[in-house]
Amino acid sequence: MNQYRNPAQPAPIRPDDTGLAPPRRVDIRDLLGDSRELRIQHGGQEYRLTLTSKGKLILTK
């Protein structure tokens, strides 16, 4: 049996296959540095990613 897929046939689609690259992993310390807040620009809006005193993250507009 041939172990190679025929390139003329589309690859089988798995239920979890989105066609997108896997999500990037970034350590929060790399984002915040010594700060407890990060300002993020998206779609003409500014958002704040805040690290709380209990170590939780809050995203607000």
C-alpha atoms as a PDB file:
ATOM      1  CA  MET A   1       0.000   0.000   0.000  1.00  0.00           C
ATOM      2  CA  ASN A   2       1.281   3.482  -0.878  1.00  0.00           C
ATOM      3  CA  GLN A   3       1.976   5.516   2.283  1.00  0.00           C
ATOM      4  CA  TYR A   4       1.876   8.862   0.463  1.00  0.00           C
ATOM      5  CA  ARG A   5      -1.308  10.836  -0.120  1.00  0.00           C
ATOM      6  CA  ASN A   6      -2.223  11.683  -3.708  1.00  0.00           C
ATOM      7  CA  PRO A   7      -1.664  15.480  -4.001  1.00  0.00           C
ATOM      8  CA  ALA A   8      -4.686  15.725  -6.322  1.00  0.00           C
ATOM      9  CA  GLN A   9      -6.934  14.659  -3.448  1.00  0.00           C
ATOM     10  CA  PRO A  10      -7.632  17.159  -0.647  1.00  0.00           C
ATOM     11  CA  ALA A  11      -6.310  16.265   2.781  1.00  0.00           C
ATOM     12  CA  PRO A  12      -8.930  14.824   5.101  1.00  0.00           C
ATOM     13  CA  ILE A  13     -10.468  17.458   7.369  1.00  0.00           C
ATOM     14  CA  ARG A  14     -10.358  16.750  11.080  1.00  0.00           C
ATOM     15  CA  PRO A  15     -13.133  18.228  13.254  1.00  0.00           C
ATOM     16  CA  ASP A  16     -10.581  20.423  15.087  1.00  0.00           C
ATOM     17  CA  ASP A  17      -8.786  21.582  11.915  1.00  0.00           C
ATOM     18  CA  THR A  18      -9.322  25.334  11.500  1.00  0.00           C
ATOM     19  CA  GLY A  19      -6.644  25.857   8.884  1.00  0.00           C
ATOM     20  CA  LEU A  20      -5.000  28.428  11.166  1.00  0.00           C
ATOM     21  CA  ALA A  21      -1.601  28.302  12.783  1.00  0.00           C
ATOM     22  CA  PRO A  22      -1.646  27.085  16.376  1.00  0.00           C
ATOM     23  CA  PRO A  23      -1.962  29.863  18.965  1.00  0.00           C
ATOM     24  CA  ARG A  24       1.240  31.489  20.162  1.00  0.00           C
ATOM     25  CA  ARG A  25       2.192  31.075  23.809  1.00  0.00           C
ATOM     26  CA  VAL A  26       3.578  34.150  25.541  1.00  0.00           C
ATOM     27  CA  ASP A  27       4.557  34.365  29.196  1.00  0.00           C
ATOM     28  CA  ILE A  28       2.735  37.256  30.881  1.00  0.00           C
ATOM     29  CA  ARG A  29       6.057  38.497  32.277  1.00  0.00           C
ATOM     30  CA  ASP A  30       7.271  38.975  28.710  1.00  0.00           C
ATOM     31  CA  LEU A  31       4.232  41.177  28.038  1.00  0.00           C
ATOM     32  CA  LEU A  32       4.071  43.170  31.243  1.00  0.00           C
ATOM     33  CA  GLY A  33       7.716  43.329  32.271  1.00  0.00           C
ATOM     34  CA  ASP A  34       7.856  45.194  35.607  1.00  0.00           C
ATOM     35  CA  SER A  35       4.452  46.806  35.050  1.00  0.00           C
ATOM     36  CA  ARG A  36       1.016  45.555  36.091  1.00  0.00           C
ATOM     37  CA  GLU A  37      -0.748  46.969  33.042  1.00  0.00           C
ATOM     38  CA  LEU A  38      -0.426  46.712  29.266  1.00  0.00           C
ATOM     39  CA  ARG A  39      -2.199  48.965  26.753  1.00  0.00           C
ATOM     40  CA  ILE A  40      -3.332  47.164  23.588  1.00  0.00           C
ATOM     41  CA  GLN A  41      -4.431  48.888  20.367  1.00  0.00           C
ATOM     42  CA  HIS A  42      -7.036  46.965  18.339  1.00  0.00           C
ATOM     43  CA  GLY A  43      -9.478  48.190  15.723  1.00  0.00           C
ATOM     44  CA  GLY A  44      -8.950  51.836  16.619  1.00  0.00           C
ATOM     45  CA  GLN A  45      -9.727  51.112  20.275  1.00  0.00           C
ATOM     46  CA  GLU A  46      -7.441  50.960  23.293  1.00  0.00           C
ATOM     47  CA  TYR A  47      -7.742  48.108  25.784  1.00  0.00           C
ATOM     48  CA  ARG A  48      -6.014  47.586  29.125  1.00  0.00           C
ATOM     49  CA  LEU A  49      -4.713  44.224  30.252  1.00  0.00           C
ATOM     50  CA  THR A  50      -4.271  44.477  34.012  1.00  0.00           C
ATOM     51  CA  LEU A  51      -2.649  42.031  36.420  1.00  0.00           C
ATOM     52  CA  THR A  52      -4.560  42.100  39.710  1.00  0.00           C
ATOM     53  CA  SER A  53      -3.053  41.774  43.182  1.00  0.00           C
ATOM     54  CA  LYS A  54      -4.358  38.166  43.255  1.00  0.00           C
ATOM     55  CA  GLY A  55      -2.570  37.282  40.001  1.00  0.00           C
ATOM     56  CA  LYS A  56      -5.642  37.339  37.744  1.00  0.00           C
ATOM     57  CA  LEU A  57      -5.798  39.078  34.357  1.00  0.00           C
ATOM     58  CA  ILE A  58      -8.515  41.563  33.466  1.00  0.00           C
ATOM     59  CA  LEU A  59      -9.050  42.969  29.956  1.00  0.00           C
ATOM     60  CA  THR A  60     -11.026  46.218  29.880  1.00  0.00           C
ATOM     61  CA  LYS A  61     -11.797  48.883  27.346  1.00  0.00           C
END
